[in-house]
PDB file of N, CA and C in Angstrom:
ATOM      1  N   MET A   1      47.642 158.122 119.091  1.00  0.00           N
ATOM      2  CA  MET A   1      48.661 157.679 118.168  1.00  0.00           C
ATOM      3  C   MET A   1      49.331 158.876 117.502  1.00  0.00           C
ATOM      4  N   PHE A   2      48.516 159.836 117.046  1.00  0.00           N
ATOM      5  CA  PHE A   2      49.064 161.006 116.372  1.00  0.00           C
ATOM      6  C   PHE A   2      49.938 161.827 117.315  1.00  0.00           C
ATOM      7  N   LYS A   3      49.498 161.969 118.560  1.00  0.00           N
ATOM      8  CA  LYS A   3      50.266 162.739 119.543  1.00  0.00           C
ATOM      9  C   LYS A   3      51.625 162.088 119.791  1.00  0.00           C
ATOM     10  N   GLN A   4      51.659 160.753 119.859  1.00  0.00           N
ATOM     11  CA  GLN A   4      52.926 160.052 120.078  1.00  0.00           C
ATOM     12  C   GLN A   4      53.858 160.232 118.891  1.00  0.00           C
ATOM     13  N   LEU A   5      53.310 160.173 117.697  1.00  0.00           N
ATOM     14  CA  LEU A   5      54.103 160.362 116.486  1.00  0.00           C
ATOM     15  C   LEU A   5      54.649 161.791 116.421  1.00  0.00           C
ATOM     16  N   ALA A   6      53.807 162.743 116.757  1.00  0.00           N
ATOM     17  CA  ALA A   6      54.233 164.145 116.756  1.00  0.00           C
ATOM     18  C   ALA A   6      55.314 164.381 117.805  1.00  0.00           C
ATOM     19  N   ALA A   7      55.154 163.804 118.981  1.00  0.00           N
ATOM     20  CA  ALA A   7      56.148 163.952 120.043  1.00  0.00           C
ATOM     21  C   ALA A   7      57.473 163.323 119.634  1.00  0.00           C
ATOM     22  N   ALA A   8      57.420 162.174 118.998  1.00  0.00           N
ATOM     23  CA  ALA A   8      58.639 161.514 118.537  1.00  0.00           C
ATOM     24  C   ALA A   8      59.340 162.351 117.469  1.00  0.00           C
ATOM     25  N   ALA A   9      58.571 162.931 116.568  1.00  0.00           N
ATOM     26  CA  ALA A   9      59.152 163.774 115.520  1.00  0.00           C
ATOM     27  C   ALA A   9      59.810 165.009 116.122  1.00  0.00           C
ATOM     28  N   LEU A  10      59.158 165.647 117.087  1.00  0.00           N
ATOM     29  CA  LEU A  10      59.743 166.818 117.738  1.00  0.00           C
ATOM     30  C   LEU A  10      61.018 166.461 118.495  1.00  0.00           C
ATOM     31  N   ALA A  11      61.030 165.321 119.139  1.00  0.00           N
ATOM     32  CA  ALA A  11      62.223 164.882 119.854  1.00  0.00           C
ATOM     33  C   ALA A  11      63.373 164.647 118.879  1.00  0.00           C
ATOM     34  N   TRP A  12      63.074 164.042 117.746  1.00  0.00           N
ATOM     35  CA  TRP A  12      64.114 163.790 116.744  1.00  0.00           C
ATOM     36  C   TRP A  12      64.686 165.101 116.224  1.00  0.00           C
ATOM     37  N   PHE A  13      63.821 166.082 115.933  1.00  0.00           N
ATOM     38  CA  PHE A  13      64.294 167.378 115.459  1.00  0.00           C
ATOM     39  C   PHE A  13      65.145 168.082 116.512  1.00  0.00           C
ATOM     40  N   ALA A  14      64.774 167.971 117.773  1.00  0.00           N
ATOM     41  CA  ALA A  14      65.546 168.591 118.845  1.00  0.00           C
ATOM     42  C   ALA A  14      66.931 167.968 118.948  1.00  0.00           C
ATOM     43  N   ILE A  15      66.991 166.662 118.826  1.00  0.00           N
ATOM     44  CA  ILE A  15      68.280 165.964 118.869  1.00  0.00           C
ATOM     45  C   ILE A  15      69.124 166.344 117.667  1.00  0.00           C
ATOM     46  N   ALA A  16      68.525 166.379 116.489  1.00  0.00           N
ATOM     47  CA  ALA A  16      69.255 166.733 115.264  1.00  0.00           C
ATOM     48  C   ALA A  16      69.771 168.165 115.346  1.00  0.00           C
ATOM     49  N   ALA A  17      68.985 169.077 115.880  1.00  0.00           N
ATOM     50  CA  ALA A  17      69.410 170.467 115.983  1.00  0.00           C
ATOM     51  C   ALA A  17      70.559 170.625 116.961  1.00  0.00           C
ATOM     52  N   SER A  18      70.513 169.925 118.074  1.00  0.00           N
ATOM     53  CA  SER A  18      71.593 170.042 119.048  1.00  0.00           C
ATOM     54  C   SER A  18      72.865 169.366 118.549  1.00  0.00           C
ATOM     55  N   ALA A  19      72.740 168.331 117.754  1.00  0.00           N
ATOM     56  CA  ALA A  19      73.912 167.648 117.213  1.00  0.00           C
ATOM     57  C   ALA A  19      74.589 168.489 116.143  1.00  0.00           C
ATOM     58  N   ALA A  20      73.865 169.383 115.520  1.00  0.00           N
ATOM     59  CA  ALA A  20      74.416 170.202 114.451  1.00  0.00           C
ATOM     60  C   ALA A  20      75.304 171.320 114.990  1.00  0.00           C
ATOM     61  N   SER A  21      75.183 171.658 116.249  1.00  0.00           N
ATOM     62  CA  SER A  21      75.957 172.735 116.838  1.00  0.00           C
ATOM     63  C   SER A  21      77.379 172.262 117.177  1.00  0.00           C
ATOM     64  N   VAL A  22      78.360 173.027 116.724  1.00  0.00           N
ATOM     65  CA  VAL A  22      79.765 172.708 116.976  1.00  0.00           C
ATOM     66  C   VAL A  22      80.409 173.935 117.607  1.00  0.00           C
ATOM     67  N   ASP A  23      80.877 173.803 118.849  1.00  0.00           N
ATOM     68  CA  ASP A  23      81.547 174.919 119.503  1.00  0.00           C
ATOM     69  C   ASP A  23      83.013 174.941 119.114  1.00  0.00           C
ATOM     70  N   VAL A  24      83.477 176.077 118.629  1.00  0.00           N
ATOM     71  CA  VAL A  24      84.840 176.208 118.118  1.00  0.00           C
ATOM     72  C   VAL A  24      85.889 175.916 119.193  1.00  0.00           C
ATOM     73  N   ASN A  25      85.561 176.127 120.460  1.00  0.00           N
ATOM     74  CA  ASN A  25      86.520 175.882 121.537  1.00  0.00           C
ATOM     75  C   ASN A  25      86.586 174.426 121.979  1.00  0.00           C
ATOM     76  N   LYS A  26      85.660 173.602 121.503  1.00  0.00           N
ATOM     77  CA  LYS A  26      85.637 172.188 121.875  1.00  0.00           C
ATOM     78  C   LYS A  26      85.784 171.279 120.664  1.00  0.00           C
ATOM     79  N   ALA A  27      85.739 171.851 119.477  1.00  0.00           N
ATOM     80  CA  ALA A  27      85.693 171.074 118.244  1.00  0.00           C
ATOM     81  C   ALA A  27      87.021 170.396 117.917  1.00  0.00           C
ATOM     82  N   THR A  28      86.894 169.232 117.310  1.00  0.00           N
ATOM     83  CA  THR A  28      88.064 168.522 116.780  1.00  0.00           C
ATOM     84  C   THR A  28      88.237 168.924 115.315  1.00  0.00           C
ATOM     85  N   GLN A  29      89.323 168.476 114.720  1.00  0.00           N
ATOM     86  CA  GLN A  29      89.554 168.724 113.292  1.00  0.00           C
ATOM     87  C   GLN A  29      88.358 168.206 112.484  1.00  0.00           C
ATOM     88  N   ALA A  30      87.898 167.011 112.812  1.00  0.00           N
ATOM     89  CA  ALA A  30      86.772 166.413 112.082  1.00  0.00           C
ATOM     90  C   ALA A  30      85.491 167.215 112.277  1.00  0.00           C
ATOM     91  N   ASP A  31      85.254 167.710 113.497  1.00  0.00           N
ATOM     92  CA  ASP A  31      84.067 168.527 113.760  1.00  0.00           C
ATOM     93  C   ASP A  31      84.079 169.783 112.885  1.00  0.00           C
ATOM     94  N   LEU A  32      85.227 170.436 112.836  1.00  0.00           N
ATOM     95  CA  LEU A  32      85.342 171.662 112.048  1.00  0.00           C
ATOM     96  C   LEU A  32      85.214 171.370 110.557  1.00  0.00           C
ATOM     97  N   ASP A  33      85.805 170.263 110.100  1.00  0.00           N
ATOM     98  CA  ASP A  33      85.676 169.871 108.694  1.00  0.00           C
ATOM     99  C   ASP A  33      84.217 169.612 108.320  1.00  0.00           C
ATOM    100  N   GLY A  34      83.409 169.253 109.288  1.00  0.00           N
ATOM    101  CA  GLY A  34      81.998 168.982 109.035  1.00  0.00           C
ATOM    102  C   GLY A  34      81.163 170.234 108.824  1.00  0.00           C
ATOM    103  N   ILE A  35      81.725 171.399 109.114  1.00  0.00           N
ATOM    104  CA  ILE A  35      81.014 172.661 108.893  1.00  0.00           C
ATOM    105  C   ILE A  35      81.235 173.063 107.437  1.00  0.00           C
ATOM    106  N   LYS A  36      80.145 173.249 106.707  1.00  0.00           N
ATOM    107  CA  LYS A  36      80.233 173.630 105.297  1.00  0.00           C
ATOM    108  C   LYS A  36      81.018 174.931 105.165  1.00  0.00           C
ATOM    109  N   GLY A  37      82.038 174.921 104.327  1.00  0.00           N
ATOM    110  CA  GLY A  37      82.861 176.099 104.101  1.00  0.00           C
ATOM    111  C   GLY A  37      84.185 176.062 104.830  1.00  0.00           C
ATOM    112  N   ILE A  38      84.306 175.186 105.826  1.00  0.00           N
ATOM    113  CA  ILE A  38      85.580 175.044 106.542  1.00  0.00           C
ATOM    114  C   ILE A  38      86.247 173.781 106.035  1.00  0.00           C
ATOM    115  N   GLY A  39      87.385 173.952 105.408  1.00  0.00           N
ATOM    116  CA  GLY A  39      88.148 172.815 104.910  1.00  0.00           C
ATOM    117  C   GLY A  39      89.265 172.458 105.870  1.00  0.00           C
ATOM    118  N   PRO A  40      90.102 171.504 105.487  1.00  0.00           N
ATOM    119  CA  PRO A  40      91.191 171.067 106.358  1.00  0.00           C
ATOM    120  C   PRO A  40      92.166 172.186 106.744  1.00  0.00           C
ATOM    121  N   ALA A  41      92.494 173.061 105.802  1.00  0.00           N
ATOM    122  CA  ALA A  41      93.448 174.138 106.098  1.00  0.00           C
ATOM    123  C   ALA A  41      92.860 175.140 107.093  1.00  0.00           C
ATOM    124  N   LYS A  42      91.604 175.526 106.901  1.00  0.00           N
ATOM    125  CA  LYS A  42      90.970 176.482 107.814  1.00  0.00           C
ATOM    126  C   LYS A  42      90.768 175.851 109.193  1.00  0.00           C
ATOM    127  N   ALA A  43      90.403 174.570 109.217  1.00  0.00           N
ATOM    128  CA  ALA A  43      90.243 173.868 110.496  1.00  0.00           C
ATOM    129  C   ALA A  43      91.576 173.835 111.245  1.00  0.00           C
ATOM    130  N   ALA A  44      92.661 173.568 110.529  1.00  0.00           N
ATOM    131  CA  ALA A  44      93.986 173.537 111.153  1.00  0.00           C
ATOM    132  C   ALA A  44      94.365 174.917 111.686  1.00  0.00           C
ATOM    133  N   ALA A  45      94.040 175.971 110.934  1.00  0.00           N
ATOM    134  CA  ALA A  45      94.342 177.335 111.379  1.00  0.00           C
ATOM    135  C   ALA A  45      93.558 177.679 112.645  1.00  0.00           C
ATOM    136  N   ILE A  46      92.316 177.249 112.717  1.00  0.00           N
ATOM    137  CA  ILE A  46      91.497 177.493 113.906  1.00  0.00           C
ATOM    138  C   ILE A  46      92.091 176.766 115.114  1.00  0.00           C
ATOM    139  N   LEU A  47      92.436 175.498 114.924  1.00  0.00           N
ATOM    140  CA  LEU A  47      93.007 174.722 116.027  1.00  0.00           C
ATOM    141  C   LEU A  47      94.347 175.294 116.482  1.00  0.00           C
ATOM    142  N   GLU A  48      95.156 175.771 115.541  1.00  0.00           N
ATOM    143  CA  GLU A  48      96.450 176.363 115.879  1.00  0.00           C
ATOM    144  C   GLU A  48      96.260 177.640 116.691  1.00  0.00           C
ATOM    145  N   ALA A  49      95.329 178.496 116.276  1.00  0.00           N
ATOM    146  CA  ALA A  49      95.065 179.739 117.005  1.00  0.00           C
ATOM    147  C   ALA A  49      94.485 179.451 118.388  1.00  0.00           C
ATOM    148  N   ARG A  50      93.725 178.392 118.499  1.00  0.00           N
ATOM    149  CA  ARG A  50      93.092 178.037 119.776  1.00  0.00           C
ATOM    150  C   ARG A  50      94.112 177.539 120.792  1.00  0.00           C
ATOM    151  N   LYS A  51      95.281 177.065 120.321  1.00  0.00           N
ATOM    152  CA  LYS A  51      96.307 176.564 121.243  1.00  0.00           C
ATOM    153  C   LYS A  51      96.754 177.633 122.235  1.00  0.00           C
ATOM    154  N   SER A  52      96.807 178.891 121.802  1.00  0.00           N
ATOM    155  CA  SER A  52      97.278 179.953 122.691  1.00  0.00           C
ATOM    156  C   SER A  52      96.236 180.306 123.758  1.00  0.00           C
ATOM    157  N   ALA A  53      94.968 180.221 123.399  1.00  0.00           N
ATOM    158  CA  ALA A  53      93.884 180.506 124.349  1.00  0.00           C
ATOM    159  C   ALA A  53      92.557 180.219 123.670  1.00  0.00           C
ATOM    160  N   PRO A  54      91.548 179.824 124.442  1.00  0.00           N
ATOM    161  CA  PRO A  54      90.218 179.646 123.842  1.00  0.00           C
ATOM    162  C   PRO A  54      89.721 180.978 123.277  1.00  0.00           C
ATOM    163  N   PHE A  55      88.868 180.899 122.297  1.00  0.00           N
ATOM    164  CA  PHE A  55      88.289 182.112 121.713  1.00  0.00           C
ATOM    165  C   PHE A  55      87.252 182.671 122.677  1.00  0.00           C
ATOM    166  N   LYS A  56      87.327 183.981 122.927  1.00  0.00           N
ATOM    167  CA  LYS A  56      86.405 184.636 123.851  1.00  0.00           C
ATOM    168  C   LYS A  56      85.026 184.827 123.232  1.00  0.00           C
ATOM    169  N   ASP A  57      85.031 185.231 121.962  1.00  0.00           N
ATOM    170  CA  ASP A  57      83.785 185.514 121.257  1.00  0.00           C
ATOM    171  C   ASP A  57      84.067 185.498 119.759  1.00  0.00           C
ATOM    172  N   TRP A  58      83.070 185.808 118.970  1.00  0.00           N
ATOM    173  CA  TRP A  58      83.229 185.774 117.518  1.00  0.00           C
ATOM    174  C   TRP A  58      84.263 186.780 117.041  1.00  0.00           C
ATOM    175  N   GLN A  59      84.298 187.962 117.637  1.00  0.00           N
ATOM    176  CA  GLN A  59      85.275 188.964 117.220  1.00  0.00           C
ATOM    177  C   GLN A  59      86.700 188.495 117.503  1.00  0.00           C
ATOM    178  N   ASP A  60      86.892 187.766 118.582  1.00  0.00           N
ATOM    179  CA  ASP A  60      88.201 187.197 118.891  1.00  0.00           C
ATOM    180  C   ASP A  60      88.591 186.171 117.825  1.00  0.00           C
ATOM    181  N   LEU A  61      87.658 185.320 117.441  1.00  0.00           N
ATOM    182  CA  LEU A  61      87.915 184.327 116.380  1.00  0.00           C
ATOM    183  C   LEU A  61      88.257 185.032 115.069  1.00  0.00           C
ATOM    184  N   ILE A  62      87.477 186.037 114.707  1.00  0.00           N
ATOM    185  CA  ILE A  62      87.707 186.783 113.468  1.00  0.00           C
ATOM    186  C   ILE A  62      89.081 187.455 113.491  1.00  0.00           C
ATOM    187  N   GLY A  63      89.452 188.001 114.620  1.00  0.00           N
ATOM    188  CA  GLY A  63      90.727 188.702 114.740  1.00  0.00           C
ATOM    189  C   GLY A  63      91.942 187.786 114.734  1.00  0.00           C
ATOM    190  N   ARG A  64      91.784 186.563 115.201  1.00  0.00           N
ATOM    191  CA  ARG A  64      92.938 185.670 115.342  1.00  0.00           C
ATOM    192  C   ARG A  64      93.119 184.665 114.220  1.00  0.00           C
ATOM    193  N   VAL A  65      92.085 184.425 113.425  1.00  0.00           N
ATOM    194  CA  VAL A  65      92.192 183.430 112.353  1.00  0.00           C
ATOM    195  C   VAL A  65      92.072 184.136 111.005  1.00  0.00           C
ATOM    196  N   LYS A  66      93.174 184.132 110.279  1.00  0.00           N
ATOM    197  CA  LYS A  66      93.216 184.780 108.968  1.00  0.00           C
ATOM    198  C   LYS A  66      92.196 184.117 108.037  1.00  0.00           C
ATOM    199  N   GLY A  67      91.467 184.945 107.310  1.00  0.00           N
ATOM    200  CA  GLY A  67      90.498 184.429 106.351  1.00  0.00           C
ATOM    201  C   GLY A  67      89.089 184.305 106.884  1.00  0.00           C
ATOM    202  N   ILE A  68      88.921 184.554 108.171  1.00  0.00           N
ATOM    203  CA  ILE A  68      87.560 184.551 108.726  1.00  0.00           C
ATOM    204  C   ILE A  68      87.181 186.004 108.986  1.00  0.00           C
ATOM    205  N   GLY A  69      86.264 186.480 108.187  1.00  0.00           N
ATOM    206  CA  GLY A  69      85.721 187.814 108.375  1.00  0.00           C
ATOM    207  C   GLY A  69      84.276 187.677 108.806  1.00  0.00           C
ATOM    208  N   GLU A  70      83.590 188.775 108.857  1.00  0.00           N
ATOM    209  CA  GLU A  70      82.198 188.733 109.299  1.00  0.00           C
ATOM    210  C   GLU A  70      81.325 187.933 108.341  1.00  0.00           C
ATOM    211  N   GLY A  71      81.625 187.995 107.051  1.00  0.00           N
ATOM    212  CA  GLY A  71      80.838 187.233 106.076  1.00  0.00           C
ATOM    213  C   GLY A  71      80.969 185.741 106.292  1.00  0.00           C
ATOM    214  N   ASN A  72      82.216 185.259 106.434  1.00  0.00           N
ATOM    215  CA  ASN A  72      82.424 183.834 106.685  1.00  0.00           C
ATOM    216  C   ASN A  72      81.896 183.435 108.053  1.00  0.00           C
ATOM    217  N   ALA A  73      82.049 184.317 109.038  1.00  0.00           N
ATOM    218  CA  ALA A  73      81.538 184.012 110.373  1.00  0.00           C
ATOM    219  C   ALA A  73      80.026 183.780 110.321  1.00  0.00           C
ATOM    220  N   ALA A  74      79.333 184.616 109.572  1.00  0.00           N
ATOM    221  CA  ALA A  74      77.879 184.462 109.445  1.00  0.00           C
ATOM    222  C   ALA A  74      77.538 183.137 108.756  1.00  0.00           C
ATOM    223  N   LYS A  75      78.296 182.777 107.722  1.00  0.00           N
ATOM    224  CA  LYS A  75      78.053 181.511 107.016  1.00  0.00           C
ATOM    225  C   LYS A  75      78.324 180.316 107.924  1.00  0.00           C
ATOM    226  N   TYR A  76      79.460 180.343 108.623  1.00  0.00           N
ATOM    227  CA  TYR A  76      79.810 179.224 109.507  1.00  0.00           C
ATOM    228  C   TYR A  76      78.780 179.084 110.625  1.00  0.00           C
ATOM    229  N   SER A  77      78.328 180.214 111.157  1.00  0.00           N
ATOM    230  CA  SER A  77      77.325 180.186 112.215  1.00  0.00           C
ATOM    231  C   SER A  77      76.022 179.583 111.706  1.00  0.00           C
ATOM    232  N   ALA A  78      75.638 179.946 110.489  1.00  0.00           N
ATOM    233  CA  ALA A  78      74.414 179.392 109.901  1.00  0.00           C
ATOM    234  C   ALA A  78      74.531 177.884 109.707  1.00  0.00           C
ATOM    235  N   GLU A  79      75.752 177.395 109.555  1.00  0.00           N
ATOM    236  CA  GLU A  79      75.989 175.953 109.395  1.00  0.00           C
ATOM    237  C   GLU A  79      76.124 175.235 110.736  1.00  0.00           C
ATOM    238  N   GLY A  80      76.095 175.987 111.846  1.00  0.00           N
ATOM    239  CA  GLY A  80      76.111 175.359 113.164  1.00  0.00           C
ATOM    240  C   GLY A  80      77.315 175.664 114.030  1.00  0.00           C
ATOM    241  N   LEU A  81      78.269 176.460 113.561  1.00  0.00           N
ATOM    242  CA  LEU A  81      79.434 176.790 114.378  1.00  0.00           C
ATOM    243  C   LEU A  81      79.050 177.830 115.423  1.00  0.00           C
ATOM    244  N   THR A  82      79.519 177.641 116.640  1.00  0.00           N
ATOM    245  CA  THR A  82      79.288 178.601 117.715  1.00  0.00           C
ATOM    246  C   THR A  82      80.610 178.927 118.393  1.00  0.00           C
ATOM    247  N   VAL A  83      80.643 180.029 119.107  1.00  0.00           N
ATOM    248  CA  VAL A  83      81.780 180.381 119.962  1.00  0.00           C
ATOM    249  C   VAL A  83      81.218 180.508 121.366  1.00  0.00           C
ATOM    250  N   ASN A  84      81.639 179.625 122.237  1.00  0.00           N
ATOM    251  CA  ASN A  84      81.112 179.566 123.604  1.00  0.00           C
ATOM    252  C   ASN A  84      79.593 179.450 123.612  1.00  0.00           C
ATOM    253  N   GLY A  85      79.074 178.687 122.659  1.00  0.00           N
ATOM    254  CA  GLY A  85      77.641 178.434 122.576  1.00  0.00           C
ATOM    255  C   GLY A  85      76.833 179.521 121.889  1.00  0.00           C
ATOM    256  N   ALA A  86      77.492 180.599 121.470  1.00  0.00           N
ATOM    257  CA  ALA A  86      76.774 181.721 120.861  1.00  0.00           C
ATOM    258  C   ALA A  86      76.904 181.709 119.339  1.00  0.00           C
ATOM    259  N   ALA A  87      75.792 181.973 118.683  1.00  0.00           N
ATOM    260  CA  ALA A  87      75.797 182.126 117.232  1.00  0.00           C
ATOM    261  C   ALA A  87      76.343 183.511 116.892  1.00  0.00           C
ATOM    262  N   PHE A  88      76.800 183.678 115.660  1.00  0.00           N
ATOM    263  CA  PHE A  88      77.339 184.963 115.230  1.00  0.00           C
ATOM    264  C   PHE A  88      76.216 185.973 115.026  1.00  0.00           C
ATOM    265  N   LYS A  89      76.437 187.167 115.534  1.00  0.00           N
ATOM    266  CA  LYS A  89      75.528 188.288 115.307  1.00  0.00           C
ATOM    267  C   LYS A  89      76.386 189.459 114.887  1.00  0.00           C
ATOM    268  N   ALA A  90      76.137 189.951 113.695  1.00  0.00           N
ATOM    269  CA  ALA A  90      76.919 191.080 113.196  1.00  0.00           C
ATOM    270  C   ALA A  90      76.712 192.286 114.091  1.00  0.00           C
ATOM    271  N   ASP A  91      77.792 192.895 114.491  1.00  0.00           N
ATOM    272  CA  ASP A  91      77.741 194.096 115.312  1.00  0.00           C
ATOM    273  C   ASP A  91      77.450 195.278 114.400  1.00  0.00           C
ATOM    274  N   ALA A  92      76.368 195.962 114.636  1.00  0.00           N
ATOM    275  CA  ALA A  92      75.950 197.064 113.772  1.00  0.00           C
ATOM    276  C   ALA A  92      77.035 198.132 113.679  1.00  0.00           C
ATOM    277  N   ALA A  93      77.718 198.419 114.770  1.00  0.00           N
ATOM    278  CA  ALA A  93      78.755 199.443 114.744  1.00  0.00           C
ATOM    279  C   ALA A  93      79.954 198.991 113.919  1.00  0.00           C
ATOM    280  N   ALA A  94      80.272 197.713 113.976  1.00  0.00           N
ATOM    281  CA  ALA A  94      81.437 197.207 113.250  1.00  0.00           C
ATOM    282  C   ALA A  94      81.161 197.074 111.764  1.00  0.00           C
ATOM    283  N   THR A  95      79.907 196.848 111.393  1.00  0.00           N
ATOM    284  CA  THR A  95      79.595 196.641 109.985  1.00  0.00           C
ATOM    285  C   THR A  95      79.199 197.906 109.261  1.00  0.00           C
ATOM    286  N   THR A  96      78.924 198.977 109.997  1.00  0.00           N
ATOM    287  CA  THR A  96      78.538 200.227 109.364  1.00  0.00           C
ATOM    288  C   THR A  96      79.790 200.920 108.851  1.00  0.00           C
ATOM    289  N   LYS A  97      79.795 201.207 107.566  1.00  0.00           N
ATOM    290  CA  LYS A  97      80.937 201.898 106.976  1.00  0.00           C
ATOM    291  C   LYS A  97      80.696 203.395 107.091  1.00  0.00           C
ATOM    292  N   PRO A  98      81.764 204.145 107.339  1.00  0.00           N
ATOM    293  CA  PRO A  98      81.570 205.587 107.420  1.00  0.00           C
ATOM    294  C   PRO A  98      81.168 206.147 106.062  1.00  0.00           C
ATOM    295  N   ALA A  99      80.347 207.161 106.106  1.00  0.00           N
ATOM    296  CA  ALA A  99      79.892 207.782 104.858  1.00  0.00           C
ATOM    297  C   ALA A  99      81.059 208.501 104.205  1.00  0.00           C
ATOM    298  N   THR A 100      81.176 208.326 102.920  1.00  0.00           N
ATOM    299  CA  THR A 100      82.221 209.034 102.183  1.00  0.00           C
ATOM    300  C   THR A 100      81.568 209.879 101.117  1.00  0.00           C
ATOM    301  N   THR A 101      82.218 210.952 100.798  1.00  0.00           N
ATOM    302  CA  THR A 101      81.706 211.809  99.741  1.00  0.00           C
ATOM    303  C   THR A 101      82.658 211.743  98.569  1.00  0.00           C
ATOM    304  N   LYS A 102      82.097 211.756  97.392  1.00  0.00           N
ATOM    305  CA  LYS A 102      82.906 211.752  96.183  1.00  0.00           C
ATOM    306  C   LYS A 102      83.354 213.181  95.896  1.00  0.00           C
ATOM    307  N   PRO A 103      84.582 213.341  95.449  1.00  0.00           N
ATOM    308  CA  PRO A 103      84.990 214.686  95.060  1.00  0.00           C
ATOM    309  C   PRO A 103      84.210 215.111  93.821  1.00  0.00           C
ATOM    310  N   ALA A 104      83.959 216.384  93.716  1.00  0.00           N
ATOM    311  CA  ALA A 104      83.213 216.899  92.574  1.00  0.00           C
ATOM    312  C   ALA A 104      83.993 216.650  91.291  1.00  0.00           C
ATOM    313  N   ASP A 105      83.280 216.296  90.244  1.00  0.00           N
ATOM    314  CA  ASP A 105      83.896 216.083  88.939  1.00  0.00           C
ATOM    315  C   ASP A 105      84.165 217.451  88.335  1.00  0.00           C
ATOM    316  N   THR A 106      85.402 217.747  88.077  1.00  0.00           N
ATOM    317  CA  THR A 106      85.773 219.072  87.585  1.00  0.00           C
ATOM    318  C   THR A 106      85.946 219.115  86.081  1.00  0.00           C
ATOM    319  N   LYS A 107      85.538 218.063  85.390  1.00  0.00           N
ATOM    320  CA  LYS A 107      85.628 218.082  83.926  1.00  0.00           C
ATOM    321  C   LYS A 107      84.675 219.123  83.367  1.00  0.00           C
ATOM    322  N   ALA A 108      84.943 219.546  82.156  1.00  0.00           N
ATOM    323  CA  ALA A 108      84.133 220.577  81.517  1.00  0.00           C
ATOM    324  C   ALA A 108      82.652 220.214  81.524  1.00  0.00           C
ATOM    325  N   GLY A 109      81.841 221.159  81.912  1.00  0.00           N
ATOM    326  CA  GLY A 109      80.409 220.970  81.892  1.00  0.00           C
ATOM    327  C   GLY A 109      79.844 220.303  83.123  1.00  0.00           C
ATOM    328  N   LYS A 110      80.698 219.945  84.053  1.00  0.00           N
ATOM    329  CA  LYS A 110      80.205 219.309  85.274  1.00  0.00           C
ATOM    330  C   LYS A 110      80.665 220.130  86.460  1.00  0.00           C
ATOM    331  N   PRO A 111      79.807 220.317  87.429  1.00  0.00           N
ATOM    332  CA  PRO A 111      80.162 221.139  88.601  1.00  0.00           C
ATOM    333  C   PRO A 111      81.212 220.498  89.455  1.00  0.00           C
TER     334      PRO A 111
END
């Protein structure tokens, strides 16, 4: 009995997890609205950008839809949005900011 209950629970979780995934290249306005953080205006912008061509990857989506940066991409991905079935993964090279040095303070008493 316990094994059957456990198997049923695992099956339900698997179904729920797969239903939560929304691919940006197949999504409808309603699908996109269902992703936390994407409202009607952002969903419309995504659909409009998709008219010219499907999104190749997350960087393509970020580059073509105004207002979607790496931060929002990470949030949308955590809510179930995918691009061609892939979740967002921040590119270490793209997120690393170049080191900058501050100019020396030349006020009196400071080097």
